[in-house]
C-alpha atoms as a PDB file:
ATOM      1  CA  MET A   1       7.072  -4.843  11.515  1.00  0.00           C
ATOM      2  CA  ASN A   2       3.951  -2.676  12.148  1.00  0.00           C
ATOM      3  CA  GLU A   3       0.403  -3.760  11.706  1.00  0.00           C
ATOM      4  CA  GLN A   4      -0.110  -5.183   8.248  1.00  0.00           C
ATOM      5  CA  THR A   5      -3.047  -6.118   6.103  1.00  0.00           C
ATOM      6  CA  PRO A   6      -3.260  -9.871   5.275  1.00  0.00           C
ATOM      7  CA  LYS A   7      -2.295  -8.952   1.727  1.00  0.00           C
ATOM      8  CA  GLU A   8       0.831  -7.256   2.980  1.00  0.00           C
ATOM      9  CA  GLU A   9       1.722 -10.195   5.127  1.00  0.00           C
ATOM     10  CA  ILE A  10       1.437 -12.523   2.153  1.00  0.00           C
ATOM     11  CA  LEU A  11       3.409 -10.168  -0.032  1.00  0.00           C
ATOM     12  CA  PHE A  12       6.188  -9.949   2.581  1.00  0.00           C
ATOM     13  CA  ILE A  13       6.270 -13.701   3.018  1.00  0.00           C
ATOM     14  CA  ILE A  14       6.494 -14.233  -0.737  1.00  0.00           C
ATOM     15  CA  LYS A  15       9.353 -11.719  -0.945  1.00  0.00           C
ATOM     16  CA  GLU A  16      11.195 -13.480   1.927  1.00  0.00           C
ATOM     17  CA  LEU A  17      10.811 -16.889   0.247  1.00  0.00           C
ATOM     18  CA  GLU A  18      11.930 -15.492  -3.071  1.00  0.00           C
ATOM     19  CA  ALA A  19      15.007 -14.002  -1.475  1.00  0.00           C
ATOM     20  CA  ASP A  20      15.846 -17.272   0.415  1.00  0.00           C
ATOM     21  CA  PRO A  21      13.929 -20.415  -0.490  1.00  0.00           C
ATOM     22  CA  ALA A  22      15.574 -22.236   2.456  1.00  0.00           C
ATOM     23  CA  VAL A  23      14.420 -19.741   5.070  1.00  0.00           C
ATOM     24  CA  SER A  24      12.817 -21.315   8.113  1.00  0.00           C
ATOM     25  CA  GLN A  25       9.327 -20.563   9.221  1.00  0.00           C
ATOM     26  CA  ARG A  26      10.738 -19.279  12.539  1.00  0.00           C
ATOM     27  CA  ALA A  27      12.961 -16.807  10.706  1.00  0.00           C
ATOM     28  CA  VAL A  28      10.084 -15.562   8.590  1.00  0.00           C
ATOM     29  CA  SER A  29       7.969 -15.231  11.692  1.00  0.00           C
ATOM     30  CA  ARG A  30      10.635 -13.210  13.502  1.00  0.00           C
ATOM     31  CA  LYS A  31      11.406 -10.970  10.501  1.00  0.00           C
ATOM     32  CA  LEU A  32       7.775 -10.095   9.849  1.00  0.00           C
ATOM     33  CA  GLY A  33       6.741  -9.821  13.500  1.00  0.00           C
ATOM     34  CA  ILE A  34       4.000 -12.347  13.292  1.00  0.00           C
ATOM     35  CA  SER A  35       3.519 -15.546  15.324  1.00  0.00           C
ATOM     36  CA  LEU A  36       4.966 -18.839  14.158  1.00  0.00           C
ATOM     37  CA  GLY A  37       1.494 -20.329  14.068  1.00  0.00           C
ATOM     38  CA  LYS A  38       0.268 -17.577  11.804  1.00  0.00           C
ATOM     39  CA  THR A  39       3.344 -17.986   9.599  1.00  0.00           C
ATOM     40  CA  ASN A  40       2.726 -21.737   9.366  1.00  0.00           C
ATOM     41  CA  TYR A  41      -0.960 -21.101   8.485  1.00  0.00           C
ATOM     42  CA  LEU A  42      -0.084 -18.531   5.783  1.00  0.00           C
ATOM     43  CA  LEU A  43       2.558 -20.801   4.220  1.00  0.00           C
ATOM     44  CA  HIS A  44       0.029 -23.638   4.069  1.00  0.00           C
ATOM     45  CA  GLN A  45      -2.535 -21.311   2.452  1.00  0.00           C
ATOM     46  CA  LEU A  46       0.024 -20.209  -0.151  1.00  0.00           C
ATOM     47  CA  ILE A  47       0.758 -23.937  -0.915  1.00  0.00           C
ATOM     48  CA  LYS A  48      -2.923 -24.712  -1.089  1.00  0.00           C
ATOM     49  CA  ARG A  49      -3.480 -21.777  -3.520  1.00  0.00           C
ATOM     50  CA  GLY A  50      -0.639 -23.002  -5.699  1.00  0.00           C
ATOM     51  CA  LEU A  51       1.522 -19.893  -5.153  1.00  0.00           C
ATOM     52  CA  ILE A  52       4.452 -21.773  -3.663  1.00  0.00           C
ATOM     53  CA  THR A  53       5.645 -25.361  -3.448  1.00  0.00           C
ATOM     54  CA  ALA A  54       7.536 -26.928  -0.587  1.00  0.00           C
ATOM     55  CA  LYS A  55      10.305 -29.333  -1.416  1.00  0.00           C
ATOM     56  CA  ASN A  56      12.021 -31.600   1.153  1.00  0.00           C
ATOM     57  CA  PHE A  57      15.749 -31.617   0.587  1.00  0.00           C
ATOM     58  CA  THR A  58      16.776 -34.035   3.422  1.00  0.00           C
ATOM     59  CA  ASN A  59      16.198 -37.752   2.916  1.00  0.00           C
ATOM     60  CA  ASN A  60      18.240 -38.922   5.934  1.00  0.00           C
ATOM     61  CA  PRO A  61      15.881 -40.544   8.604  1.00  0.00           C
ATOM     62  CA  GLY A  62      16.378 -38.988  12.004  1.00  0.00           C
ATOM     63  CA  LYS A  63      17.618 -35.636  10.614  1.00  0.00           C
ATOM     64  CA  LEU A  64      15.585 -32.504  10.678  1.00  0.00           C
ATOM     65  CA  GLN A  65      13.933 -32.000   7.377  1.00  0.00           C
ATOM     66  CA  LYS A  66      15.200 -29.081   5.297  1.00  0.00           C
ATOM     67  CA  ILE A  67      12.406 -27.521   3.331  1.00  0.00           C
ATOM     68  CA  HIS A  68      12.786 -25.099   0.417  1.00  0.00           C
ATOM     69  CA  TYR A  69       9.872 -22.971  -0.589  1.00  0.00           C
ATOM     70  CA  LEU A  70       9.750 -22.289  -4.305  1.00  0.00           C
ATOM     71  CA  LEU A  71       7.531 -19.590  -5.895  1.00  0.00           C
ATOM     72  CA  THR A  72       5.426 -20.932  -8.784  1.00  0.00           C
ATOM     73  CA  GLU A  73       4.482 -18.974 -11.866  1.00  0.00           C
ATOM     74  CA  LYS A  74       1.134 -18.338 -10.288  1.00  0.00           C
ATOM     75  CA  GLY A  75       2.974 -17.086  -7.195  1.00  0.00           C
ATOM     76  CA  ILE A  76       4.985 -14.637  -9.263  1.00  0.00           C
ATOM     77  CA  GLU A  77       1.873 -13.235 -10.835  1.00  0.00           C
ATOM     78  CA  GLU A  78       0.300 -12.922  -7.338  1.00  0.00           C
ATOM     79  CA  ARG A  79       3.458 -11.156  -6.088  1.00  0.00           C
ATOM     80  CA  LEU A  80       3.135  -8.582  -8.904  1.00  0.00           C
ATOM     81  CA  ARG A  81      -0.597  -8.094  -8.218  1.00  0.00           C
ATOM     82  CA  LEU A  82      -0.039  -7.712  -4.457  1.00  0.00           C
ATOM     83  CA  LEU A  83       2.870  -5.346  -5.022  1.00  0.00           C
ATOM     84  CA  GLN A  84       0.768  -3.158  -7.330  1.00  0.00           C
ATOM     85  CA  HIS A  85      -2.020  -3.102  -4.656  1.00  0.00           C
ATOM     86  CA  PHE A  86       0.577  -2.148  -1.920  1.00  0.00           C
ATOM     87  CA  LEU A  87       2.040   0.602  -3.957  1.00  0.00           C
ATOM     88  CA  GLU A  88      -1.368   2.062  -4.837  1.00  0.00           C
ATOM     89  CA  ARG A  89      -2.322   1.965  -1.126  1.00  0.00           C
ATOM     90  CA  LYS A  90       0.904   3.640  -0.065  1.00  0.00           C
ATOM     91  CA  GLU A  91       0.594   6.292  -2.830  1.00  0.00           C
ATOM     92  CA  ALA A  92      -2.931   7.088  -1.555  1.00  0.00           C
ATOM     93  CA  GLU A  93      -1.600   7.288   2.025  1.00  0.00           C
ATOM     94  CA  TYR A  94       1.147   9.618   0.887  1.00  0.00           C
ATOM     95  CA  ASN A  95      -1.235  11.891  -1.022  1.00  0.00           C
ATOM     96  CA  ASN A  96      -3.565  12.114   2.037  1.00  0.00           C
ATOM     97  CA  LEU A  97      -0.645  12.991   4.325  1.00  0.00           C
ATOM     98  CA  LYS A  98       0.625  15.594   1.845  1.00  0.00           C
ATOM     99  CA  GLN A  99      -2.859  17.189   1.710  1.00  0.00           C
ATOM    100  CA  GLU A 100      -3.059  17.308   5.457  1.00  0.00           C
ATOM    101  CA  LEU A 101       0.379  18.887   5.684  1.00  0.00           C
ATOM    102  CA  GLU A 102      -0.570  21.507   3.095  1.00  0.00           C
ATOM    103  CA  GLN A 103      -3.742  22.302   5.079  1.00  0.00           C
ATOM    104  CA  LEU A 104      -1.801  22.665   8.310  1.00  0.00           C
ATOM    105  CA  ASP A 105       0.813  24.800   6.574  1.00  0.00           C
ATOM    106  CA  GLN A 106      -1.966  27.069   5.231  1.00  0.00           C
ATOM    107  CA  ARG A 107      -3.485  27.465   8.736  1.00  0.00           C
ATOM    108  CA  THR A 108      -0.164  28.268  10.388  1.00  0.00           C
ATOM    109  CA  HIS A 109       0.810  30.834   7.694  1.00  0.00           C
ATOM    110  CA  ALA A 110      -2.639  32.430   7.303  1.00  0.00           C
ATOM    111  CA  LYS A 111      -2.804  36.089   8.236  1.00  0.00           C
ATOM    112  CA  PRO A 112      -4.936  36.704  11.300  1.00  0.00           C
ATOM    113  CA  THR A 113      -8.134  38.547  10.560  1.00  0.00           C
ATOM    114  CA  ILE A 114      -9.001  41.617  12.603  1.00  0.00           C
ATOM    115  CA  GLN A 115     -12.596  41.962  13.532  1.00  0.00           C
END
């Protein structure tokens, strides 16, 4: 992915966890193009803020633990808030680009003035 704001990173992580609660941190890291350490940090912050819970689904000693990340009600509300913020930001970017394009179009189609 391209450069993202912290809010976008959190939104994309929440969306990944919602799509696949059993997704690994490494897979999230790869998909979002951020380091594994940053992914781990962000997941712990989401747990600390009560937006997700982590459930261990392997009780066998000596086996790798399988963790499922579950979105809480507070997490769903945060996802909606972040999505609204993301859409507002993208709409503003679109409007700015549209305005720039219109200005460029006016300059290229303007009649030359004779002096």
